[in-house]
């Protein structure tokens, strides 16, 4: 089956858009995931609780985040529930 030039161009554009989520250096796209970090493994600040990376005092604090591969956050299970894309109060 032959593709018309317009259809071919559209399929190439879709392929490029799908690849745009990946950084130029080949690393996957990442997102903040709240409530999945162990003590001392958070990636950065959360309100007035902590100043930045690695300062988390307790495991799985819902208002602290860790960078994870995009699309995986809500599939991560912890003893306190699943990861969240937004801060939670736990």
PDB file of N, CA and C in Angstrom:
ATOM      1  N   UNK A   1       0.842  -1.168   0.000  1.00  0.00           N
ATOM      2  CA  UNK A   1       0.000   0.000   0.000  1.00  0.00           C
ATOM      3  C   UNK A   1       0.890   1.235   0.000  1.00  0.00           C
ATOM      4  N   UNK A   2       0.605   2.177  -0.893  1.00  0.00           N
ATOM      5  CA  UNK A   2       1.385   3.403  -1.003  1.00  0.00           C
ATOM      6  C   UNK A   2       0.687   4.528  -0.246  1.00  0.00           C
ATOM      7  N   UNK A   3       1.500   5.354   0.413  1.00  0.00           N
ATOM      8  CA  UNK A   3       0.961   6.511   1.111  1.00  0.00           C
ATOM      9  C   UNK A   3       1.079   7.741   0.229  1.00  0.00           C
ATOM     10  N   UNK A   4       0.045   8.534   0.212  1.00  0.00           N
ATOM     11  CA  UNK A   4       0.100   9.817  -0.487  1.00  0.00           C
ATOM     12  C   UNK A   4       1.090  10.701   0.253  1.00  0.00           C
ATOM     13  N   UNK A   5       1.725  11.648  -0.435  1.00  0.00           N
ATOM     14  CA  UNK A   5       2.705  12.518   0.224  1.00  0.00           C
ATOM     15  C   UNK A   5       2.165  13.188   1.494  1.00  0.00           C
ATOM     16  N   UNK A   6       0.921  13.640   1.474  1.00  0.00           N
ATOM     17  CA  UNK A   6       0.349  14.302   2.652  1.00  0.00           C
ATOM     18  C   UNK A   6       0.214  13.312   3.807  1.00  0.00           C
ATOM     19  N   UNK A   7      -0.208  12.093   3.521  1.00  0.00           N
ATOM     20  CA  UNK A   7      -0.359  11.082   4.562  1.00  0.00           C
ATOM     21  C   UNK A   7       1.003  10.695   5.120  1.00  0.00           C
ATOM     22  N   UNK A   8       1.988  10.594   4.253  1.00  0.00           N
ATOM     23  CA  UNK A   8       3.345  10.274   4.701  1.00  0.00           C
ATOM     24  C   UNK A   8       3.878  11.378   5.618  1.00  0.00           C
ATOM     25  N   UNK A   9       3.680  12.624   5.208  1.00  0.00           N
ATOM     26  CA  UNK A   9       4.140  13.758   6.009  1.00  0.00           C
ATOM     27  C   UNK A   9       3.446  13.775   7.370  1.00  0.00           C
ATOM     28  N   UNK A  10       2.157  13.438   7.384  1.00  0.00           N
ATOM     29  CA  UNK A  10       1.417  13.413   8.648  1.00  0.00           C
ATOM     30  C   UNK A  10       1.945  12.316   9.557  1.00  0.00           C
ATOM     31  N   UNK A  11       2.259  11.153   8.992  1.00  0.00           N
ATOM     32  CA  UNK A  11       2.774  10.063   9.828  1.00  0.00           C
ATOM     33  C   UNK A  11       4.167  10.392  10.368  1.00  0.00           C
ATOM     34  N   UNK A  12       4.974  11.074   9.582  1.00  0.00           N
ATOM     35  CA  UNK A  12       6.289  11.507  10.055  1.00  0.00           C
ATOM     36  C   UNK A  12       6.130  12.525  11.175  1.00  0.00           C
ATOM     37  N   UNK A  13       5.209  13.473  11.011  1.00  0.00           N
ATOM     38  CA  UNK A  13       4.968  14.489  12.037  1.00  0.00           C
ATOM     39  C   UNK A  13       4.509  13.849  13.340  1.00  0.00           C
ATOM     40  N   UNK A  14       3.641  12.857  13.259  1.00  0.00           N
ATOM     41  CA  UNK A  14       3.187  12.162  14.464  1.00  0.00           C
ATOM     42  C   UNK A  14       4.343  11.440  15.145  1.00  0.00           C
ATOM     43  N   UNK A  15       5.190  10.819  14.364  1.00  0.00           N
ATOM     44  CA  UNK A  15       6.355  10.140  14.923  1.00  0.00           C
ATOM     45  C   UNK A  15       7.299  11.108  15.624  1.00  0.00           C
ATOM     46  N   UNK A  16       7.498  12.268  15.024  1.00  0.00           N
ATOM     47  CA  UNK A  16       8.356  13.277  15.631  1.00  0.00           C
ATOM     48  C   UNK A  16       7.739  13.832  16.911  1.00  0.00           C
ATOM     49  N   UNK A  17       6.429  14.016  16.911  1.00  0.00           N
ATOM     50  CA  UNK A  17       5.756  14.520  18.109  1.00  0.00           C
ATOM     51  C   UNK A  17       5.872  13.512  19.239  1.00  0.00           C
ATOM     52  N   UNK A  18       5.750  12.244  18.933  1.00  0.00           N
ATOM     53  CA  UNK A  18       5.872  11.213  19.960  1.00  0.00           C
ATOM     54  C   UNK A  18       7.278  11.191  20.536  1.00  0.00           C
ATOM     55  N   UNK A  19       8.256  11.415  19.708  1.00  0.00           N
ATOM     56  CA  UNK A  19       9.641  11.439  20.165  1.00  0.00           C
ATOM     57  C   UNK A  19      10.019  12.717  20.875  1.00  0.00           C
ATOM     58  N   UNK A  20       9.197  13.751  20.757  1.00  0.00           N
ATOM     59  CA  UNK A  20       9.511  15.031  21.394  1.00  0.00           C
ATOM     60  C   UNK A  20       9.489  14.946  22.908  1.00  0.00           C
ATOM     61  N   UNK A  21       8.788  13.954  23.446  1.00  0.00           N
ATOM     62  CA  UNK A  21       8.744  13.784  24.900  1.00  0.00           C
ATOM     63  C   UNK A  21      10.090  13.334  25.435  1.00  0.00           C
ATOM     64  N   UNK A  22      10.935  12.867  24.573  1.00  0.00           N
ATOM     65  CA  UNK A  22      12.260  12.431  24.986  1.00  0.00           C
ATOM     66  C   UNK A  22      13.262  13.551  24.732  1.00  0.00           C
ATOM     67  N   UNK A  23      14.122  13.802  25.695  1.00  0.00           N
ATOM     68  CA  UNK A  23      15.092  14.897  25.583  1.00  0.00           C
ATOM     69  C   UNK A  23      16.099  14.619  24.483  1.00  0.00           C
ATOM     70  N   UNK A  24      16.756  15.676  24.032  1.00  0.00           N
ATOM     71  CA  UNK A  24      17.734  15.560  22.954  1.00  0.00           C
ATOM     72  C   UNK A  24      18.892  14.647  23.325  1.00  0.00           C
ATOM     73  N   UNK A  25      19.190  14.519  24.613  1.00  0.00           N
ATOM     74  CA  UNK A  25      20.303  13.667  25.024  1.00  0.00           C
ATOM     75  C   UNK A  25      19.906  12.200  25.173  1.00  0.00           C
ATOM     76  N   UNK A  26      18.686  11.849  24.772  1.00  0.00           N
ATOM     77  CA  UNK A  26      18.240  10.460  24.801  1.00  0.00           C
ATOM     78  C   UNK A  26      17.630  10.023  26.116  1.00  0.00           C
ATOM     79  N   UNK A  27      17.554  10.910  27.100  1.00  0.00           N
ATOM     80  CA  UNK A  27      16.952  10.556  28.377  1.00  0.00           C
ATOM     81  C   UNK A  27      15.431  10.640  28.258  1.00  0.00           C
ATOM     82  N   UNK A  28      14.703   9.766  28.968  1.00  0.00           N
ATOM     83  CA  UNK A  28      13.241   9.808  28.895  1.00  0.00           C
ATOM     84  C   UNK A  28      12.678  11.053  29.578  1.00  0.00           C
ATOM     85  N   UNK A  29      11.488  11.438  29.170  1.00  0.00           N
ATOM     86  CA  UNK A  29      10.798  12.550  29.818  1.00  0.00           C
ATOM     87  C   UNK A  29      10.512  12.165  31.266  1.00  0.00           C
ATOM     88  N   UNK A  30      10.588  13.141  32.149  1.00  0.00           N
ATOM     89  CA  UNK A  30      10.403  12.890  33.578  1.00  0.00           C
ATOM     90  C   UNK A  30       9.266  13.750  34.117  1.00  0.00           C
ATOM     91  N   UNK A  31       8.713  13.345  35.270  1.00  0.00           N
ATOM     92  CA  UNK A  31       7.674  14.124  35.931  1.00  0.00           C
ATOM     93  C   UNK A  31       7.846  14.035  37.439  1.00  0.00           C
ATOM     94  N   UNK A  32       7.305  15.027  38.151  1.00  0.00           N
ATOM     95  CA  UNK A  32       7.328  15.017  39.608  1.00  0.00           C
ATOM     96  C   UNK A  32       6.289  14.013  40.092  1.00  0.00           C
ATOM     97  N   UNK A  33       6.698  13.184  41.056  1.00  0.00           N
ATOM     98  CA  UNK A  33       5.792  12.193  41.622  1.00  0.00           C
ATOM     99  C   UNK A  33       5.817  12.335  43.141  1.00  0.00           C
ATOM    100  N   UNK A  34       4.681  12.698  43.707  1.00  0.00           N
ATOM    101  CA  UNK A  34       4.578  12.945  45.138  1.00  0.00           C
ATOM    102  C   UNK A  34       4.294  11.653  45.906  1.00  0.00           C
ATOM    103  N   UNK A  35       4.908  11.548  47.084  1.00  0.00           N
ATOM    104  CA  UNK A  35       4.613  10.448  47.992  1.00  0.00           C
ATOM    105  C   UNK A  35       5.334   9.146  47.724  1.00  0.00           C
ATOM    106  N   UNK A  36       6.367   9.150  46.883  1.00  0.00           N
ATOM    107  CA  UNK A  36       7.056   7.892  46.558  1.00  0.00           C
ATOM    108  C   UNK A  36       8.499   7.831  47.052  1.00  0.00           C
ATOM    109  N   UNK A  37       9.013   8.955  47.550  1.00  0.00           N
ATOM    110  CA  UNK A  37      10.428   8.994  47.963  1.00  0.00           C
ATOM    111  C   UNK A  37      10.617   8.427  49.369  1.00  0.00           C
ATOM    112  N   UNK A  38      11.715   7.731  49.557  1.00  0.00           N
ATOM    113  CA  UNK A  38      12.111   7.280  50.887  1.00  0.00           C
ATOM    114  C   UNK A  38      12.831   8.435  51.574  1.00  0.00           C
ATOM    115  N   UNK A  39      12.975   8.356  52.889  1.00  0.00           N
ATOM    116  CA  UNK A  39      13.651   9.408  53.655  1.00  0.00           C
ATOM    117  C   UNK A  39      15.012   9.708  53.039  1.00  0.00           C
ATOM    118  N   UNK A  40      15.290  11.000  52.846  1.00  0.00           N
ATOM    119  CA  UNK A  40      16.567  11.430  52.291  1.00  0.00           C
ATOM    120  C   UNK A  40      16.703  11.282  50.793  1.00  0.00           C
ATOM    121  N   UNK A  41      15.627  10.853  50.093  1.00  0.00           N
ATOM    122  CA  UNK A  41      15.723  10.629  48.653  1.00  0.00           C
ATOM    123  C   UNK A  41      14.799  11.520  47.830  1.00  0.00           C
ATOM    124  N   UNK A  42      14.173  12.521  48.470  1.00  0.00           N
ATOM    125  CA  UNK A  42      13.317  13.427  47.694  1.00  0.00           C
ATOM    126  C   UNK A  42      14.189  14.292  46.780  1.00  0.00           C
ATOM    127  N   UNK A  43      13.599  14.782  45.703  1.00  0.00           N
ATOM    128  CA  UNK A  43      14.361  15.580  44.748  1.00  0.00           C
ATOM    129  C   UNK A  43      14.333  17.073  45.023  1.00  0.00           C
ATOM    130  N   UNK A  44      13.299  17.580  45.690  1.00  0.00           N
ATOM    131  CA  UNK A  44      13.363  19.001  46.044  1.00  0.00           C
ATOM    132  C   UNK A  44      12.278  19.415  47.009  1.00  0.00           C
ATOM    133  N   UNK A  45      12.115  20.728  47.148  1.00  0.00           N
ATOM    134  CA  UNK A  45      11.321  21.345  48.205  1.00  0.00           C
ATOM    135  C   UNK A  45       9.827  21.076  48.116  1.00  0.00           C
ATOM    136  N   UNK A  46       9.185  21.242  49.266  1.00  0.00           N
ATOM    137  CA  UNK A  46       7.733  21.146  49.359  1.00  0.00           C
ATOM    138  C   UNK A  46       7.273  22.080  50.460  1.00  0.00           C
ATOM    139  N   UNK A  47       6.844  23.254  50.100  1.00  0.00           N
ATOM    140  CA  UNK A  47       6.370  24.223  51.084  1.00  0.00           C
ATOM    141  C   UNK A  47       7.442  24.553  52.102  1.00  0.00           C
ATOM    142  N   UNK A  48       7.043  24.713  53.360  1.00  0.00           N
ATOM    143  CA  UNK A  48       7.987  25.035  54.410  1.00  0.00           C
ATOM    144  C   UNK A  48       8.532  23.806  55.117  1.00  0.00           C
ATOM    145  N   UNK A  49       8.221  22.620  54.607  1.00  0.00           N
ATOM    146  CA  UNK A  49       8.615  21.376  55.259  1.00  0.00           C
ATOM    147  C   UNK A  49      10.105  21.104  55.143  1.00  0.00           C
ATOM    148  N   UNK A  50      10.673  21.350  54.005  1.00  0.00           N
ATOM    149  CA  UNK A  50      12.075  21.033  53.757  1.00  0.00           C
ATOM    150  C   UNK A  50      12.657  22.026  52.769  1.00  0.00           C
ATOM    151  N   UNK A  51      13.954  22.194  52.797  1.00  0.00           N
ATOM    152  CA  UNK A  51      14.581  23.180  51.924  1.00  0.00           C
ATOM    153  C   UNK A  51      14.843  22.654  50.523  1.00  0.00           C
ATOM    154  N   UNK A  52      15.273  21.413  50.404  1.00  0.00           N
ATOM    155  CA  UNK A  52      15.496  20.877  49.063  1.00  0.00           C
ATOM    156  C   UNK A  52      15.895  19.408  49.084  1.00  0.00           C
ATOM    157  N   UNK A  53      16.512  18.969  47.999  1.00  0.00           N
ATOM    158  CA  UNK A  53      16.813  17.563  47.757  1.00  0.00           C
ATOM    159  C   UNK A  53      17.528  16.875  48.912  1.00  0.00           C
ATOM    160  N   UNK A  54      17.052  15.659  49.186  1.00  0.00           N
ATOM    161  CA  UNK A  54      17.704  14.802  50.161  1.00  0.00           C
ATOM    162  C   UNK A  54      17.438  15.127  51.613  1.00  0.00           C
ATOM    163  N   UNK A  55      16.512  16.033  51.896  1.00  0.00           N
ATOM    164  CA  UNK A  55      16.267  16.434  53.280  1.00  0.00           C
ATOM    165  C   UNK A  55      15.001  15.830  53.882  1.00  0.00           C
ATOM    166  N   UNK A  56      14.321  14.988  53.147  1.00  0.00           N
ATOM    167  CA  UNK A  56      13.090  14.358  53.634  1.00  0.00           C
ATOM    168  C   UNK A  56      13.386  13.517  54.872  1.00  0.00           C
ATOM    169  N   UNK A  57      12.571  13.677  55.919  1.00  0.00           N
ATOM    170  CA  UNK A  57      12.805  12.991  57.194  1.00  0.00           C
ATOM    171  C   UNK A  57      12.083  11.658  57.321  1.00  0.00           C
ATOM    172  N   UNK A  58      10.964  11.471  56.623  1.00  0.00           N
ATOM    173  CA  UNK A  58      10.181  10.243  56.732  1.00  0.00           C
ATOM    174  C   UNK A  58       9.922   9.662  55.344  1.00  0.00           C
ATOM    175  N   UNK A  59       9.703   8.371  55.272  1.00  0.00           N
ATOM    176  CA  UNK A  59       9.390   7.710  54.002  1.00  0.00           C
ATOM    177  C   UNK A  59       8.009   8.118  53.491  1.00  0.00           C
ATOM    178  N   UNK A  60       7.908   8.281  52.189  1.00  0.00           N
ATOM    179  CA  UNK A  60       6.656   8.437  51.448  1.00  0.00           C
ATOM    180  C   UNK A  60       5.803   9.627  51.873  1.00  0.00           C
ATOM    181  N   UNK A  61       6.429  10.748  52.221  1.00  0.00           N
ATOM    182  CA  UNK A  61       5.670  11.944  52.561  1.00  0.00           C
ATOM    183  C   UNK A  61       4.918  12.435  51.337  1.00  0.00           C
ATOM    184  N   UNK A  62       3.624  12.655  51.473  1.00  0.00           N
ATOM    185  CA  UNK A  62       2.770  13.010  50.344  1.00  0.00           C
ATOM    186  C   UNK A  62       2.987  14.388  49.761  1.00  0.00           C
ATOM    187  N   UNK A  63       3.679  15.264  50.485  1.00  0.00           N
ATOM    188  CA  UNK A  63       3.895  16.620  49.969  1.00  0.00           C
ATOM    189  C   UNK A  63       5.307  16.814  49.413  1.00  0.00           C
ATOM    190  N   UNK A  64       6.071  15.744  49.311  1.00  0.00           N
ATOM    191  CA  UNK A  64       7.424  15.794  48.753  1.00  0.00           C
ATOM    192  C   UNK A  64       7.482  14.950  47.492  1.00  0.00           C
ATOM    193  N   UNK A  65       8.317  15.380  46.523  1.00  0.00           N
ATOM    194  CA  UNK A  65       8.329  14.678  45.244  1.00  0.00           C
ATOM    195  C   UNK A  65       9.700  14.145  44.867  1.00  0.00           C
ATOM    196  N   UNK A  66       9.654  13.201  43.951  1.00  0.00           N
ATOM    197  CA  UNK A  66      10.840  12.594  43.351  1.00  0.00           C
ATOM    198  C   UNK A  66      10.572  12.538  41.851  1.00  0.00           C
ATOM    199  N   UNK A  67      11.585  12.798  41.044  1.00  0.00           N
ATOM    200  CA  UNK A  67      11.417  12.713  39.593  1.00  0.00           C
ATOM    201  C   UNK A  67      11.379  11.244  39.170  1.00  0.00           C
ATOM    202  N   UNK A  68      10.388  10.916  38.350  1.00  0.00           N
ATOM    203  CA  UNK A  68      10.249   9.557  37.822  1.00  0.00           C
ATOM    204  C   UNK A  68       9.974   9.652  36.321  1.00  0.00           C
ATOM    205  N   UNK A  69      10.123   8.555  35.632  1.00  0.00           N
ATOM    206  CA  UNK A  69       9.846   8.519  34.192  1.00  0.00           C
ATOM    207  C   UNK A  69       8.388   8.900  33.954  1.00  0.00           C
ATOM    208  N   UNK A  70       8.158   9.801  33.008  1.00  0.00           N
ATOM    209  CA  UNK A  70       6.807  10.269  32.699  1.00  0.00           C
ATOM    210  C   UNK A  70       5.866   9.100  32.428  1.00  0.00           C
ATOM    211  N   UNK A  71       4.686   9.171  33.019  1.00  0.00           N
ATOM    212  CA  UNK A  71       3.675   8.146  32.815  1.00  0.00           C
ATOM    213  C   UNK A  71       3.729   7.004  33.815  1.00  0.00           C
ATOM    214  N   UNK A  72       4.710   7.009  34.724  1.00  0.00           N
ATOM    215  CA  UNK A  72       4.827   5.897  35.673  1.00  0.00           C
ATOM    216  C   UNK A  72       4.400   6.246  37.089  1.00  0.00           C
ATOM    217  N   UNK A  73       4.263   7.515  37.400  1.00  0.00           N
ATOM    218  CA  UNK A  73       4.027   7.942  38.780  1.00  0.00           C
ATOM    219  C   UNK A  73       2.854   7.225  39.436  1.00  0.00           C
ATOM    220  N   UNK A  74       1.709   7.254  38.825  1.00  0.00           N
ATOM    221  CA  UNK A  74       0.508   6.713  39.464  1.00  0.00           C
ATOM    222  C   UNK A  74       0.480   5.180  39.482  1.00  0.00           C
ATOM    223  N   UNK A  75       1.491   4.549  38.913  1.00  0.00           N
ATOM    224  CA  UNK A  75       1.578   3.088  38.979  1.00  0.00           C
ATOM    225  C   UNK A  75       2.522   2.625  40.084  1.00  0.00           C
ATOM    226  N   UNK A  76       3.230   3.566  40.714  1.00  0.00           N
ATOM    227  CA  UNK A  76       4.178   3.229  41.776  1.00  0.00           C
ATOM    228  C   UNK A  76       3.412   3.003  43.077  1.00  0.00           C
ATOM    229  N   UNK A  77       3.570   1.824  43.668  1.00  0.00           N
ATOM    230  CA  UNK A  77       2.902   1.495  44.922  1.00  0.00           C
ATOM    231  C   UNK A  77       3.854   1.657  46.092  1.00  0.00           C
ATOM    232  N   UNK A  78       3.350   2.224  47.181  1.00  0.00           N
ATOM    233  CA  UNK A  78       4.105   2.367  48.420  1.00  0.00           C
ATOM    234  C   UNK A  78       3.214   1.864  49.560  1.00  0.00           C
ATOM    235  N   UNK A  79       3.755   1.710  50.753  1.00  0.00           N
ATOM    236  CA  UNK A  79       2.913   1.321  51.886  1.00  0.00           C
ATOM    237  C   UNK A  79       1.816   2.350  52.198  1.00  0.00           C
ATOM    238  N   UNK A  80       1.960   3.571  51.674  1.00  0.00           N
ATOM    239  CA  UNK A  80       0.962   4.618  51.905  1.00  0.00           C
ATOM    240  C   UNK A  80       0.074   4.851  50.687  1.00  0.00           C
ATOM    241  N   UNK A  81       0.118   3.971  49.711  1.00  0.00           N
ATOM    242  CA  UNK A  81      -0.711   4.112  48.508  1.00  0.00           C
ATOM    243  C   UNK A  81       0.117   4.370  47.261  1.00  0.00           C
ATOM    244  N   UNK A  82      -0.558   4.759  46.209  1.00  0.00           N
ATOM    245  CA  UNK A  82       0.076   5.010  44.910  1.00  0.00           C
ATOM    246  C   UNK A  82       0.699   6.403  44.874  1.00  0.00           C
ATOM    247  N   UNK A  83       1.659   6.581  43.951  1.00  0.00           N
ATOM    248  CA  UNK A  83       2.228   7.890  43.712  1.00  0.00           C
ATOM    249  C   UNK A  83       1.171   8.834  43.178  1.00  0.00           C
ATOM    250  N   UNK A  84       1.408  10.138  43.326  1.00  0.00           N
ATOM    251  CA  UNK A  84       0.434  11.149  42.908  1.00  0.00           C
ATOM    252  C   UNK A  84       1.139  12.249  42.116  1.00  0.00           C
ATOM    253  N   UNK A  85       0.441  12.780  41.121  1.00  0.00           N
ATOM    254  CA  UNK A  85       0.983  13.885  40.326  1.00  0.00           C
ATOM    255  C   UNK A  85       0.781  15.220  41.020  1.00  0.00           C
ATOM    256  N   UNK A  86       0.028  15.235  42.101  1.00  0.00           N
ATOM    257  CA  UNK A  86      -0.202  16.441  42.880  1.00  0.00           C
ATOM    258  C   UNK A  86       0.120  16.149  44.353  1.00  0.00           C
ATOM    259  N   UNK A  87       0.502  17.173  45.116  1.00  0.00           N
ATOM    260  CA  UNK A  87       0.812  16.943  46.532  1.00  0.00           C
ATOM    261  C   UNK A  87      -0.419  16.431  47.277  1.00  0.00           C
ATOM    262  N   UNK A  88      -0.171  15.617  48.282  1.00  0.00           N
ATOM    263  CA  UNK A  88      -1.262  15.125  49.118  1.00  0.00           C
ATOM    264  C   UNK A  88      -0.882  15.316  50.581  1.00  0.00           C
ATOM    265  N   UNK A  89      -1.835  15.286  51.431  1.00  0.00           N
ATOM    266  CA  UNK A  89      -1.591  15.523  52.858  1.00  0.00           C
ATOM    267  C   UNK A  89      -1.490  14.199  53.615  1.00  0.00           C
ATOM    268  N   UNK A  90      -0.343  13.571  53.512  1.00  0.00           N
ATOM    269  CA  UNK A  90      -0.136  12.331  54.268  1.00  0.00           C
ATOM    270  C   UNK A  90       1.326  12.177  54.602  1.00  0.00           C
TER     271      UNK A  90
END
